[in-house]
Amino acid sequence: MIVEGTVTEGRQLGRRLGFPTANIEPGPGQELPEAGVYAAAVEIDGRRYAAVSNWGTNPSVGGCSPRLETHLLDFRGELYGRRIRVELLRKIRDERRFGSLEELRRQIEADCRSVRASFAAGELLR
């Protein structure tokens, strides 16, 4: 599934946890996935980046409106205001509420390791 949108500034929580995200709110009429965390790919300036995306409401931090947050592995740069296309390749887990920000940070770290290993093994290449 592909989700497109313009990167908007969020609350900077991902950045504070060590995992900056590109936040997009998909346009009207766009097909949307079920809530959860996904292995994803994003192409920027002709280069494809492995990514971890969360589609949902961010229950651990009091979020309420659904959005797609994508952490691009090994990407450095600013994406605010740019239109990006996120290809959700495989759901890796359900979205859930964590008891602390540290617990959330550890899970995101594990999600990133899992996605990186899947790309390295060629499981998610197209």
PDB file of N, CA and C in Angstrom:
ATOM      1  N   MET A   1       0.842  -1.172   0.000  1.00  0.00           N
ATOM      2  CA  MET A   1       0.000   0.000   0.000  1.00  0.00           C
ATOM      3  C   MET A   1       0.891   1.239   0.000  1.00  0.00           C
ATOM      4  N   ILE A   2       0.470   2.238  -0.735  1.00  0.00           N
ATOM      5  CA  ILE A   2       1.230   3.482  -0.810  1.00  0.00           C
ATOM      6  C   ILE A   2       0.391   4.609  -0.209  1.00  0.00           C
ATOM      7  N   VAL A   3       1.026   5.386   0.658  1.00  0.00           N
ATOM      8  CA  VAL A   3       0.384   6.543   1.280  1.00  0.00           C
ATOM      9  C   VAL A   3       1.228   7.757   0.915  1.00  0.00           C
ATOM     10  N   GLU A   4       0.573   8.789   0.419  1.00  0.00           N
ATOM     11  CA  GLU A   4       1.271  10.009   0.031  1.00  0.00           C
ATOM     12  C   GLU A   4       0.752  11.191   0.831  1.00  0.00           C
ATOM     13  N   GLY A   5       1.625  12.160   1.050  1.00  0.00           N
ATOM     14  CA  GLY A   5       1.223  13.372   1.730  1.00  0.00           C
ATOM     15  C   GLY A   5       2.393  14.314   1.898  1.00  0.00           C
ATOM     16  N   THR A   6       2.099  15.493   2.408  1.00  0.00           N
ATOM     17  CA  THR A   6       3.118  16.504   2.649  1.00  0.00           C
ATOM     18  C   THR A   6       3.609  16.379   4.085  1.00  0.00           C
ATOM     19  N   VAL A   7       4.913  16.425   4.271  1.00  0.00           N
ATOM     20  CA  VAL A   7       5.507  16.295   5.598  1.00  0.00           C
ATOM     21  C   VAL A   7       5.213  17.555   6.409  1.00  0.00           C
ATOM     22  N   THR A   8       4.605  17.343   7.569  1.00  0.00           N
ATOM     23  CA  THR A   8       4.271  18.446   8.466  1.00  0.00           C
ATOM     24  C   THR A   8       5.053  18.307   9.768  1.00  0.00           C
ATOM     25  N   GLU A   9       5.183  19.404  10.450  1.00  0.00           N
ATOM     26  CA  GLU A   9       5.887  19.386  11.729  1.00  0.00           C
ATOM     27  C   GLU A   9       4.975  18.807  12.794  1.00  0.00           C
ATOM     28  N   GLY A  10       5.525  17.886  13.582  1.00  0.00           N
ATOM     29  CA  GLY A  10       4.777  17.287  14.681  1.00  0.00           C
ATOM     30  C   GLY A  10       5.234  17.871  16.004  1.00  0.00           C
ATOM     31  N   ARG A  11       5.103  17.067  17.037  1.00  0.00           N
ATOM     32  CA  ARG A  11       5.482  17.522  18.385  1.00  0.00           C
ATOM     33  C   ARG A  11       6.957  17.280  18.695  1.00  0.00           C
ATOM     34  N   GLN A  12       7.705  16.745  17.729  1.00  0.00           N
ATOM     35  CA  GLN A  12       9.142  16.490  17.876  1.00  0.00           C
ATOM     36  C   GLN A  12       9.459  15.381  18.876  1.00  0.00           C
ATOM     37  N   LEU A  13       8.461  14.573  19.241  1.00  0.00           N
ATOM     38  CA  LEU A  13       8.691  13.504  20.203  1.00  0.00           C
ATOM     39  C   LEU A  13       9.633  12.445  19.638  1.00  0.00           C
ATOM     40  N   GLY A  14       9.424  12.055  18.384  1.00  0.00           N
ATOM     41  CA  GLY A  14      10.310  11.069  17.768  1.00  0.00           C
ATOM     42  C   GLY A  14      11.755  11.530  17.780  1.00  0.00           C
ATOM     43  N   ARG A  15      11.968  12.785  17.474  1.00  0.00           N
ATOM     44  CA  ARG A  15      13.327  13.349  17.476  1.00  0.00           C
ATOM     45  C   ARG A  15      13.931  13.278  18.879  1.00  0.00           C
ATOM     46  N   ARG A  16      13.135  13.607  19.895  1.00  0.00           N
ATOM     47  CA  ARG A  16      13.633  13.557  21.280  1.00  0.00           C
ATOM     48  C   ARG A  16      13.964  12.134  21.714  1.00  0.00           C
ATOM     49  N   LEU A  17      13.258  11.155  21.146  1.00  0.00           N
ATOM     50  CA  LEU A  17      13.522   9.755  21.484  1.00  0.00           C
ATOM     51  C   LEU A  17      14.679   9.176  20.666  1.00  0.00           C
ATOM     52  N   GLY A  18      15.181   9.952  19.694  1.00  0.00           N
ATOM     53  CA  GLY A  18      16.280   9.492  18.853  1.00  0.00           C
ATOM     54  C   GLY A  18      15.836   8.917  17.521  1.00  0.00           C
ATOM     55  N   PHE A  19      14.557   9.090  17.194  1.00  0.00           N
ATOM     56  CA  PHE A  19      13.995   8.551  15.954  1.00  0.00           C
ATOM     57  C   PHE A  19      13.136   9.607  15.274  1.00  0.00           C
ATOM     58  N   PRO A  20      13.759  10.598  14.624  1.00  0.00           N
ATOM     59  CA  PRO A  20      12.966  11.645  13.974  1.00  0.00           C
ATOM     60  C   PRO A  20      12.051  11.043  12.912  1.00  0.00           C
ATOM     61  N   THR A  21      10.859  11.609  12.811  1.00  0.00           N
ATOM     62  CA  THR A  21       9.885  11.072  11.862  1.00  0.00           C
ATOM     63  C   THR A  21       9.398  12.135  10.896  1.00  0.00           C
ATOM     64  N   ALA A  22       9.039  11.652   9.719  1.00  0.00           N
ATOM     65  CA  ALA A  22       8.344  12.477   8.732  1.00  0.00           C
ATOM     66  C   ALA A  22       6.859  12.208   8.966  1.00  0.00           C
ATOM     67  N   ASN A  23       6.129  13.234   9.380  1.00  0.00           N
ATOM     68  CA  ASN A  23       4.707  13.092   9.682  1.00  0.00           C
ATOM     69  C   ASN A  23       3.877  13.535   8.493  1.00  0.00           C
ATOM     70  N   ILE A  24       2.966  12.665   8.061  1.00  0.00           N
ATOM     71  CA  ILE A  24       2.071  13.065   6.980  1.00  0.00           C
ATOM     72  C   ILE A  24       0.640  12.703   7.335  1.00  0.00           C
ATOM     73  N   GLU A  25      -0.244  13.568   6.926  1.00  0.00           N
ATOM     74  CA  GLU A  25      -1.668  13.303   7.050  1.00  0.00           C
ATOM     75  C   GLU A  25      -2.167  13.055   5.636  1.00  0.00           C
ATOM     76  N   PRO A  26      -2.527  11.816   5.335  1.00  0.00           N
ATOM     77  CA  PRO A  26      -2.942  11.484   3.972  1.00  0.00           C
ATOM     78  C   PRO A  26      -4.135  12.318   3.520  1.00  0.00           C
ATOM     79  N   GLY A  27      -4.199  12.533   2.236  1.00  0.00           N
ATOM     80  CA  GLY A  27      -5.273  13.320   1.652  1.00  0.00           C
ATOM     81  C   GLY A  27      -6.605  12.587   1.666  1.00  0.00           C
ATOM     82  N   PRO A  28      -7.677  13.332   1.428  1.00  0.00           N
ATOM     83  CA  PRO A  28      -9.009  12.733   1.415  1.00  0.00           C
ATOM     84  C   PRO A  28      -9.135  11.685   0.305  1.00  0.00           C
ATOM     85  N   GLY A  29      -9.843  10.626   0.623  1.00  0.00           N
ATOM     86  CA  GLY A  29     -10.086   9.577  -0.349  1.00  0.00           C
ATOM     87  C   GLY A  29      -8.950   8.595  -0.522  1.00  0.00           C
ATOM     88  N   GLN A  30      -7.859   8.789   0.206  1.00  0.00           N
ATOM     89  CA  GLN A  30      -6.721   7.884   0.088  1.00  0.00           C
ATOM     90  C   GLN A  30      -6.991   6.617   0.890  1.00  0.00           C
ATOM     91  N   GLU A  31      -6.698   5.468   0.313  1.00  0.00           N
ATOM     92  CA  GLU A  31      -6.862   4.201   1.021  1.00  0.00           C
ATOM     93  C   GLU A  31      -5.873   4.177   2.182  1.00  0.00           C
ATOM     94  N   LEU A  32      -6.338   3.712   3.340  1.00  0.00           N
ATOM     95  CA  LEU A  32      -5.491   3.714   4.521  1.00  0.00           C
ATOM     96  C   LEU A  32      -5.385   2.314   5.111  1.00  0.00           C
ATOM     97  N   PRO A  33      -4.243   2.009   5.701  1.00  0.00           N
ATOM     98  CA  PRO A  33      -4.045   0.683   6.293  1.00  0.00           C
ATOM     99  C   PRO A  33      -4.714   0.583   7.663  1.00  0.00           C
ATOM    100  N   GLU A  34      -4.699  -0.623   8.220  1.00  0.00           N
ATOM    101  CA  GLU A  34      -5.149  -0.757   9.603  1.00  0.00           C
ATOM    102  C   GLU A  34      -4.047  -0.219  10.508  1.00  0.00           C
ATOM    103  N   ALA A  35      -4.416   0.230  11.692  1.00  0.00           N
ATOM    104  CA  ALA A  35      -3.433   0.801  12.616  1.00  0.00           C
ATOM    105  C   ALA A  35      -2.335  -0.213  12.911  1.00  0.00           C
ATOM    106  N   GLY A  36      -1.110   0.288  12.997  1.00  0.00           N
ATOM    107  CA  GLY A  36       0.003  -0.585  13.318  1.00  0.00           C
ATOM    108  C   GLY A  36       1.328  -0.015  12.878  1.00  0.00           C
ATOM    109  N   VAL A  37       2.361  -0.805  13.079  1.00  0.00           N
ATOM    110  CA  VAL A  37       3.731  -0.436  12.715  1.00  0.00           C
ATOM    111  C   VAL A  37       4.128  -1.289  11.511  1.00  0.00           C
ATOM    112  N   TYR A  38       4.726  -0.631  10.522  1.00  0.00           N
ATOM    113  CA  TYR A  38       5.015  -1.263   9.238  1.00  0.00           C
ATOM    114  C   TYR A  38       6.472  -1.108   8.836  1.00  0.00           C
ATOM    115  N   ALA A  39       6.999  -2.127   8.176  1.00  0.00           N
ATOM    116  CA  ALA A  39       8.242  -1.977   7.424  1.00  0.00           C
ATOM    117  C   ALA A  39       7.845  -1.203   6.178  1.00  0.00           C
ATOM    118  N   ALA A  40       8.639  -0.203   5.830  1.00  0.00           N
ATOM    119  CA  ALA A  40       8.260   0.673   4.722  1.00  0.00           C
ATOM    120  C   ALA A  40       9.486   1.063   3.915  1.00  0.00           C
ATOM    121  N   ALA A  41       9.216   1.714   2.791  1.00  0.00           N
ATOM    122  CA  ALA A  41      10.278   2.262   1.952  1.00  0.00           C
ATOM    123  C   ALA A  41       9.834   3.633   1.469  1.00  0.00           C
ATOM    124  N   VAL A  42      10.778   4.555   1.427  1.00  0.00           N
ATOM    125  CA  VAL A  42      10.506   5.916   0.956  1.00  0.00           C
ATOM    126  C   VAL A  42      11.605   6.286  -0.030  1.00  0.00           C
ATOM    127  N   GLU A  43      11.211   6.820  -1.172  1.00  0.00           N
ATOM    128  CA  GLU A  43      12.200   7.276  -2.139  1.00  0.00           C
ATOM    129  C   GLU A  43      12.312   8.791  -2.050  1.00  0.00           C
ATOM    130  N   ILE A  44      13.547   9.267  -1.891  1.00  0.00           N
ATOM    131  CA  ILE A  44      13.814  10.699  -1.796  1.00  0.00           C
ATOM    132  C   ILE A  44      14.997  11.009  -2.707  1.00  0.00           C
ATOM    133  N   ASP A  45      14.787  11.940  -3.611  1.00  0.00           N
ATOM    134  CA  ASP A  45      15.838  12.358  -4.541  1.00  0.00           C
ATOM    135  C   ASP A  45      16.497  11.159  -5.226  1.00  0.00           C
ATOM    136  N   GLY A  46      15.676  10.196  -5.635  1.00  0.00           N
ATOM    137  CA  GLY A  46      16.176   9.052  -6.378  1.00  0.00           C
ATOM    138  C   GLY A  46      16.798   7.949  -5.546  1.00  0.00           C
ATOM    139  N   ARG A  47      16.839   8.111  -4.230  1.00  0.00           N
ATOM    140  CA  ARG A  47      17.406   7.073  -3.362  1.00  0.00           C
ATOM    141  C   ARG A  47      16.293   6.470  -2.522  1.00  0.00           C
ATOM    142  N   ARG A  48      16.284   5.157  -2.411  1.00  0.00           N
ATOM    143  CA  ARG A  48      15.265   4.445  -1.635  1.00  0.00           C
ATOM    144  C   ARG A  48      15.787   4.179  -0.230  1.00  0.00           C
ATOM    145  N   TYR A  49      14.999   4.558   0.775  1.00  0.00           N
ATOM    146  CA  TYR A  49      15.373   4.374   2.172  1.00  0.00           C
ATOM    147  C   TYR A  49      14.456   3.349   2.828  1.00  0.00           C
ATOM    148  N   ALA A  50      15.050   2.450   3.580  1.00  0.00           N
ATOM    149  CA  ALA A  50      14.274   1.570   4.444  1.00  0.00           C
ATOM    150  C   ALA A  50      13.693   2.452   5.545  1.00  0.00           C
ATOM    151  N   ALA A  51      12.502   2.094   6.006  1.00  0.00           N
ATOM    152  CA  ALA A  51      11.844   2.940   7.001  1.00  0.00           C
ATOM    153  C   ALA A  51      10.933   2.110   7.898  1.00  0.00           C
ATOM    154  N   VAL A  52      10.610   2.698   9.046  1.00  0.00           N
ATOM    155  CA  VAL A  52       9.622   2.138   9.960  1.00  0.00           C
ATOM    156  C   VAL A  52       8.514   3.177  10.060  1.00  0.00           C
ATOM    157  N   SER A  53       7.287   2.742   9.784  1.00  0.00           N
ATOM    158  CA  SER A  53       6.143   3.662   9.796  1.00  0.00           C
ATOM    159  C   SER A  53       5.113   3.217  10.820  1.00  0.00           C
ATOM    160  N   ASN A  54       4.531   4.188  11.483  1.00  0.00           N
ATOM    161  CA  ASN A  54       3.416   3.921  12.388  1.00  0.00           C
ATOM    162  C   ASN A  54       2.186   4.655  11.861  1.00  0.00           C
ATOM    163  N   TRP A  55       1.134   3.904  11.599  1.00  0.00           N
ATOM    164  CA  TRP A  55      -0.146   4.510  11.235  1.00  0.00           C
ATOM    165  C   TRP A  55      -1.063   4.316  12.424  1.00  0.00           C
ATOM    166  N   GLY A  56      -1.528   5.427  12.992  1.00  0.00           N
ATOM    167  CA  GLY A  56      -2.428   5.324  14.131  1.00  0.00           C
ATOM    168  C   GLY A  56      -2.514   6.630  14.895  1.00  0.00           C
ATOM    169  N   THR A  57      -2.915   6.499  16.138  1.00  0.00           N
ATOM    170  CA  THR A  57      -3.204   7.683  16.957  1.00  0.00           C
ATOM    171  C   THR A  57      -2.158   7.955  18.030  1.00  0.00           C
ATOM    172  N   ASN A  58      -1.109   7.166  18.103  1.00  0.00           N
ATOM    173  CA  ASN A  58      -0.056   7.353  19.112  1.00  0.00           C
ATOM    174  C   ASN A  58      -0.605   7.330  20.539  1.00  0.00           C
ATOM    175  N   PRO A  59      -1.206   6.216  20.956  1.00  0.00           N
ATOM    176  CA  PRO A  59      -1.841   6.168  22.268  1.00  0.00           C
ATOM    177  C   PRO A  59      -0.890   6.351  23.449  1.00  0.00           C
ATOM    178  N   SER A  60       0.387   6.080  23.279  1.00  0.00           N
ATOM    179  CA  SER A  60       1.342   6.225  24.384  1.00  0.00           C
ATOM    180  C   SER A  60       1.594   7.673  24.759  1.00  0.00           C
ATOM    181  N   VAL A  61       1.308   8.588  23.829  1.00  0.00           N
ATOM    182  CA  VAL A  61       1.605  10.000  24.080  1.00  0.00           C
ATOM    183  C   VAL A  61       0.357  10.870  23.956  1.00  0.00           C
ATOM    184  N   GLY A  62      -0.798  10.265  24.118  1.00  0.00           N
ATOM    185  CA  GLY A  62      -2.043  11.035  24.134  1.00  0.00           C
ATOM    186  C   GLY A  62      -2.503  11.555  22.792  1.00  0.00           C
ATOM    187  N   GLY A  63      -2.061  10.925  21.724  1.00  0.00           N
ATOM    188  CA  GLY A  63      -2.514  11.351  20.401  1.00  0.00           C
ATOM    189  C   GLY A  63      -3.965  10.970  20.175  1.00  0.00           C
ATOM    190  N   CYS A  64      -4.626  11.669  19.267  1.00  0.00           N
ATOM    191  CA  CYS A  64      -6.029  11.336  19.022  1.00  0.00           C
ATOM    192  C   CYS A  64      -6.373  11.257  17.542  1.00  0.00           C
ATOM    193  N   SER A  65      -5.749  12.065  16.694  1.00  0.00           N
ATOM    194  CA  SER A  65      -6.107  11.998  15.278  1.00  0.00           C
ATOM    195  C   SER A  65      -5.082  11.135  14.549  1.00  0.00           C
ATOM    196  N   PRO A  66      -5.563  10.231  13.687  1.00  0.00           N
ATOM    197  CA  PRO A  66      -4.648   9.326  12.992  1.00  0.00           C
ATOM    198  C   PRO A  66      -3.698  10.076  12.065  1.00  0.00           C
ATOM    199  N   ARG A  67      -2.482   9.568  12.026  1.00  0.00           N
ATOM    200  CA  ARG A  67      -1.470  10.112  11.116  1.00  0.00           C
ATOM    201  C   ARG A  67      -0.434   9.040  10.848  1.00  0.00           C
ATOM    202  N   LEU A  68       0.335   9.263   9.812  1.00  0.00           N
ATOM    203  CA  LEU A  68       1.419   8.358   9.475  1.00  0.00           C
ATOM    204  C   LEU A  68       2.723   9.028   9.872  1.00  0.00           C
ATOM    205  N   GLU A  69       3.491   8.341  10.703  1.00  0.00           N
ATOM    206  CA  GLU A  69       4.806   8.827  11.115  1.00  0.00           C
ATOM    207  C   GLU A  69       5.831   7.827  10.601  1.00  0.00           C
ATOM    208  N   THR A  70       6.823   8.323   9.884  1.00  0.00           N
ATOM    209  CA  THR A  70       7.801   7.441   9.260  1.00  0.00           C
ATOM    210  C   THR A  70       9.213   7.848   9.640  1.00  0.00           C
ATOM    211  N   HIS A  71       9.946   6.898  10.200  1.00  0.00           N
ATOM    212  CA  HIS A  71      11.363   7.101  10.519  1.00  0.00           C
ATOM    213  C   HIS A  71      12.173   6.436   9.416  1.00  0.00           C
ATOM    214  N   LEU A  72      12.912   7.240   8.661  1.00  0.00           N
ATOM    215  CA  LEU A  72      13.742   6.728   7.577  1.00  0.00           C
ATOM    216  C   LEU A  72      15.086   6.315   8.154  1.00  0.00           C
ATOM    217  N   LEU A  73      15.459   5.073   7.931  1.00  0.00           N
ATOM    218  CA  LEU A  73      16.736   4.580   8.434  1.00  0.00           C
ATOM    219  C   LEU A  73      17.859   5.182   7.596  1.00  0.00           C
ATOM    220  N   ASP A  74      18.877   5.652   8.258  1.00  0.00           N
ATOM    221  CA  ASP A  74      20.080   6.180   7.593  1.00  0.00           C
ATOM    222  C   ASP A  74      19.828   7.421   6.749  1.00  0.00           C
ATOM    223  N   PHE A  75      18.825   8.208   7.082  1.00  0.00           N
ATOM    224  CA  PHE A  75      18.552   9.454   6.358  1.00  0.00           C
ATOM    225  C   PHE A  75      18.897  10.631   7.249  1.00  0.00           C
ATOM    226  N   ARG A  76      19.554  11.611   6.680  1.00  0.00           N
ATOM    227  CA  ARG A  76      19.854  12.872   7.368  1.00  0.00           C
ATOM    228  C   ARG A  76      19.351  13.986   6.471  1.00  0.00           C
ATOM    229  N   GLY A  77      18.584  14.891   7.013  1.00  0.00           N
ATOM    230  CA  GLY A  77      18.090  16.006   6.223  1.00  0.00           C
ATOM    231  C   GLY A  77      16.713  16.419   6.683  1.00  0.00           C
ATOM    232  N   GLU A  78      16.222  17.477   6.096  1.00  0.00           N
ATOM    233  CA  GLU A  78      14.901  18.010   6.433  1.00  0.00           C
ATOM    234  C   GLU A  78      13.916  17.675   5.329  1.00  0.00           C
ATOM    235  N   LEU A  79      12.715  17.313   5.729  1.00  0.00           N
ATOM    236  CA  LEU A  79      11.678  16.967   4.764  1.00  0.00           C
ATOM    237  C   LEU A  79      10.433  17.836   4.900  1.00  0.00           C
ATOM    238  N   TYR A  80      10.413  18.753   5.850  1.00  0.00           N
ATOM    239  CA  TYR A  80       9.219  19.583   6.075  1.00  0.00           C
ATOM    240  C   TYR A  80       8.779  20.264   4.782  1.00  0.00           C
ATOM    241  N   GLY A  81       7.493  20.136   4.504  1.00  0.00           N
ATOM    242  CA  GLY A  81       6.918  20.774   3.339  1.00  0.00           C
ATOM    243  C   GLY A  81       7.047  19.986   2.053  1.00  0.00           C
ATOM    244  N   ARG A  82       7.820  18.915   2.078  1.00  0.00           N
ATOM    245  CA  ARG A  82       7.981  18.086   0.875  1.00  0.00           C
ATOM    246  C   ARG A  82       6.885  17.031   0.823  1.00  0.00           C
ATOM    247  N   ARG A  83       6.464  16.728  -0.374  1.00  0.00           N
ATOM    248  CA  ARG A  83       5.495  15.649  -0.575  1.00  0.00           C
ATOM    249  C   ARG A  83       6.281  14.348  -0.712  1.00  0.00           C
ATOM    250  N   ILE A  84       5.924  13.358   0.105  1.00  0.00           N
ATOM    251  CA  ILE A  84       6.616  12.080   0.032  1.00  0.00           C
ATOM    252  C   ILE A  84       5.612  10.952  -0.189  1.00  0.00           C
ATOM    253  N   ARG A  85       6.162   9.857  -0.623  1.00  0.00           N
ATOM    254  CA  ARG A  85       5.379   8.661  -0.922  1.00  0.00           C
ATOM    255  C   ARG A  85       5.954   7.536  -0.068  1.00  0.00           C
ATOM    256  N   VAL A  86       5.129   7.008   0.830  1.00  0.00           N
ATOM    257  CA  VAL A  86       5.570   5.953   1.737  1.00  0.00           C
ATOM    258  C   VAL A  86       4.929   4.645   1.285  1.00  0.00           C
ATOM    259  N   GLU A  87       5.757   3.678   0.966  1.00  0.00           N
ATOM    260  CA  GLU A  87       5.262   2.365   0.568  1.00  0.00           C
ATOM    261  C   GLU A  87       5.302   1.449   1.791  1.00  0.00           C
ATOM    262  N   LEU A  88       4.128   1.081   2.274  1.00  0.00           N
ATOM    263  CA  LEU A  88       4.030   0.178   3.418  1.00  0.00           C
ATOM    264  C   LEU A  88       4.169  -1.247   2.888  1.00  0.00           C
ATOM    265  N   LEU A  89       5.238  -1.914   3.293  1.00  0.00           N
ATOM    266  CA  LEU A  89       5.577  -3.210   2.718  1.00  0.00           C
ATOM    267  C   LEU A  89       5.037  -4.392   3.516  1.00  0.00           C
ATOM    268  N   ARG A  90       5.096  -4.284   4.840  1.00  0.00           N
ATOM    269  CA  ARG A  90       4.651  -5.401   5.682  1.00  0.00           C
ATOM    270  C   ARG A  90       4.362  -4.889   7.093  1.00  0.00           C
ATOM    271  N   LYS A  91       3.235  -5.303   7.638  1.00  0.00           N
ATOM    272  CA  LYS A  91       2.919  -4.944   9.029  1.00  0.00           C
ATOM    273  C   LYS A  91       3.796  -5.788   9.940  1.00  0.00           C
ATOM    274  N   ILE A  92       4.445  -5.114  10.906  1.00  0.00           N
ATOM    275  CA  ILE A  92       5.315  -5.865  11.809  1.00  0.00           C
ATOM    276  C   ILE A  92       4.723  -6.016  13.216  1.00  0.00           C
ATOM    277  N   ARG A  93       3.787  -5.140  13.565  1.00  0.00           N
ATOM    278  CA  ARG A  93       3.106  -5.315  14.855  1.00  0.00           C
ATOM    279  C   ARG A  93       1.928  -4.354  14.941  1.00  0.00           C
ATOM    280  N   ASP A  94       1.053  -4.617  15.902  1.00  0.00           N
ATOM    281  CA  ASP A  94      -0.071  -3.721  16.166  1.00  0.00           C
ATOM    282  C   ASP A  94       0.414  -2.487  16.916  1.00  0.00           C
ATOM    283  N   GLU A  95      -0.302  -1.393  16.753  1.00  0.00           N
ATOM    284  CA  GLU A  95      -0.037  -0.207  17.564  1.00  0.00           C
ATOM    285  C   GLU A  95      -0.528  -0.512  18.972  1.00  0.00           C
ATOM    286  N   ARG A  96       0.217  -0.074  19.966  1.00  0.00           N
ATOM    287  CA  ARG A  96      -0.214  -0.306  21.347  1.00  0.00           C
ATOM    288  C   ARG A  96       0.273   0.817  22.250  1.00  0.00           C
ATOM    289  N   ARG A  97      -0.292   0.867  23.420  1.00  0.00           N
ATOM    290  CA  ARG A  97       0.082   1.875  24.416  1.00  0.00           C
ATOM    291  C   ARG A  97       1.225   1.315  25.272  1.00  0.00           C
ATOM    292  N   PHE A  98       2.268   2.120  25.449  1.00  0.00           N
ATOM    293  CA  PHE A  98       3.395   1.727  26.284  1.00  0.00           C
ATOM    294  C   PHE A  98       3.320   2.441  27.620  1.00  0.00           C
ATOM    295  N   GLY A  99       3.893   1.834  28.648  1.00  0.00           N
ATOM    296  CA  GLY A  99       3.826   2.378  29.998  1.00  0.00           C
ATOM    297  C   GLY A  99       4.735   3.566  30.248  1.00  0.00           C
ATOM    298  N   SER A 100       5.752   3.737  29.405  1.00  0.00           N
ATOM    299  CA  SER A 100       6.678   4.859  29.581  1.00  0.00           C
ATOM    300  C   SER A 100       7.300   5.194  28.239  1.00  0.00           C
ATOM    301  N   LEU A 101       7.885   6.384  28.168  1.00  0.00           N
ATOM    302  CA  LEU A 101       8.583   6.777  26.947  1.00  0.00           C
ATOM    303  C   LEU A 101       9.821   5.908  26.721  1.00  0.00           C
ATOM    304  N   GLU A 102      10.458   5.468  27.799  1.00  0.00           N
ATOM    305  CA  GLU A 102      11.623   4.603  27.664  1.00  0.00           C
ATOM    306  C   GLU A 102      11.223   3.250  27.067  1.00  0.00           C
ATOM    307  N   GLU A 103      10.092   2.717  27.503  1.00  0.00           N
ATOM    308  CA  GLU A 103       9.592   1.458  26.942  1.00  0.00           C
ATOM    309  C   GLU A 103       9.267   1.637  25.455  1.00  0.00           C
ATOM    310  N   LEU A 104       8.662   2.765  25.106  1.00  0.00           N
ATOM    311  CA  LEU A 104       8.363   3.076  23.703  1.00  0.00           C
ATOM    312  C   LEU A 104       9.658   3.190  22.899  1.00  0.00           C
ATOM    313  N   ARG A 105      10.653   3.887  23.434  1.00  0.00           N
ATOM    314  CA  ARG A 105      11.939   4.050  22.748  1.00  0.00           C
ATOM    315  C   ARG A 105      12.600   2.697  22.475  1.00  0.00           C
ATOM    316  N   ARG A 106      12.580   1.809  23.464  1.00  0.00           N
ATOM    317  CA  ARG A 106      13.173   0.476  23.277  1.00  0.00           C
ATOM    318  C   ARG A 106      12.440  -0.307  22.187  1.00  0.00           C
ATOM    319  N   GLN A 107      11.108  -0.180  22.141  1.00  0.00           N
ATOM    320  CA  GLN A 107      10.345  -0.898  21.116  1.00  0.00           C
ATOM    321  C   GLN A 107      10.642  -0.346  19.719  1.00  0.00           C
ATOM    322  N   ILE A 108      10.736   0.979  19.602  1.00  0.00           N
ATOM    323  CA  ILE A 108      11.067   1.578  18.298  1.00  0.00           C
ATOM    324  C   ILE A 108      12.451   1.112  17.861  1.00  0.00           C
ATOM    325  N   GLU A 109      13.376   1.061  18.786  1.00  0.00           N
ATOM    326  CA  GLU A 109      14.722   0.571  18.491  1.00  0.00           C
ATOM    327  C   GLU A 109      14.661  -0.864  17.960  1.00  0.00           C
ATOM    328  N   ALA A 110      13.864  -1.714  18.599  1.00  0.00           N
ATOM    329  CA  ALA A 110      13.705  -3.108  18.157  1.00  0.00           C
ATOM    330  C   ALA A 110      13.039  -3.169  16.782  1.00  0.00           C
ATOM    331  N   ASP A 111      12.034  -2.317  16.562  1.00  0.00           N
ATOM    332  CA  ASP A 111      11.367  -2.268  15.260  1.00  0.00           C
ATOM    333  C   ASP A 111      12.366  -1.899  14.162  1.00  0.00           C
ATOM    334  N   CYS A 112      13.223  -0.921  14.436  1.00  0.00           N
ATOM    335  CA  CYS A 112      14.225  -0.490  13.455  1.00  0.00           C
ATOM    336  C   CYS A 112      15.208  -1.618  13.161  1.00  0.00           C
ATOM    337  N   ARG A 113      15.657  -2.326  14.192  1.00  0.00           N
ATOM    338  CA  ARG A 113      16.574  -3.458  13.976  1.00  0.00           C
ATOM    339  C   ARG A 113      15.913  -4.526  13.104  1.00  0.00           C
ATOM    340  N   SER A 114      14.654  -4.817  13.379  1.00  0.00           N
ATOM    341  CA  SER A 114      13.916  -5.834  12.627  1.00  0.00           C
ATOM    342  C   SER A 114      13.785  -5.450  11.154  1.00  0.00           C
ATOM    343  N   VAL A 115      13.421  -4.200  10.901  1.00  0.00           N
ATOM    344  CA  VAL A 115      13.256  -3.743   9.521  1.00  0.00           C
ATOM    345  C   VAL A 115      14.600  -3.713   8.808  1.00  0.00           C
ATOM    346  N   ARG A 116      15.631  -3.244   9.471  1.00  0.00           N
ATOM    347  CA  ARG A 116      16.970  -3.200   8.871  1.00  0.00           C
ATOM    348  C   ARG A 116      17.423  -4.619   8.484  1.00  0.00           C
ATOM    349  N   ALA A 117      17.183  -5.591   9.370  1.00  0.00           N
ATOM    350  CA  ALA A 117      17.571  -6.976   9.088  1.00  0.00           C
ATOM    351  C   ALA A 117      16.774  -7.543   7.915  1.00  0.00           C
ATOM    352  N   SER A 118      15.490  -7.217   7.840  1.00  0.00           N
ATOM    353  CA  SER A 118      14.657  -7.706   6.734  1.00  0.00           C
ATOM    354  C   SER A 118      15.134  -7.146   5.395  1.00  0.00           C
ATOM    355  N   PHE A 119      15.505  -5.865   5.367  1.00  0.00           N
ATOM    356  CA  PHE A 119      16.030  -5.280   4.132  1.00  0.00           C
ATOM    357  C   PHE A 119      17.381  -5.908   3.785  1.00  0.00           C
ATOM    358  N   ALA A 120      18.251  -6.078   4.790  1.00  0.00           N
ATOM    359  CA  ALA A 120      19.580  -6.644   4.547  1.00  0.00           C
ATOM    360  C   ALA A 120      19.489  -8.068   4.003  1.00  0.00           C
ATOM    361  N   ALA A 121      18.482  -8.807   4.447  1.00  0.00           N
ATOM    362  CA  ALA A 121      18.296 -10.187   3.996  1.00  0.00           C
ATOM    363  C   ALA A 121      17.607 -10.263   2.636  1.00  0.00           C
ATOM    364  N   GLY A 122      17.211  -9.100   2.116  1.00  0.00           N
ATOM    365  CA  GLY A 122      16.547  -9.062   0.825  1.00  0.00           C
ATOM    366  C   GLY A 122      15.070  -9.415   0.860  1.00  0.00           C
ATOM    367  N   GLU A 123      14.504  -9.504   2.048  1.00  0.00           N
ATOM    368  CA  GLU A 123      13.103  -9.896   2.195  1.00  0.00           C
ATOM    369  C   GLU A 123      12.128  -8.826   1.724  1.00  0.00           C
ATOM    370  N   LEU A 124      12.557  -7.576   1.717  1.00  0.00           N
ATOM    371  CA  LEU A 124      11.639  -6.482   1.398  1.00  0.00           C
ATOM    372  C   LEU A 124      12.024  -5.728   0.133  1.00  0.00           C
ATOM    373  N   LEU A 125      13.003  -6.222  -0.595  1.00  0.00           N
ATOM    374  CA  LEU A 125      13.436  -5.537  -1.805  1.00  0.00           C
ATOM    375  C   LEU A 125      12.466  -5.800  -2.934  1.00  0.00           C
ATOM    376  N   ARG A 126      12.325  -4.800  -3.822  1.00  0.00           N
ATOM    377  CA  ARG A 126      11.461  -4.947  -4.997  1.00  0.00           C
ATOM    378  C   ARG A 126      12.218  -4.572  -6.222  1.00  0.00           C
TER     379      ARG A 126
END
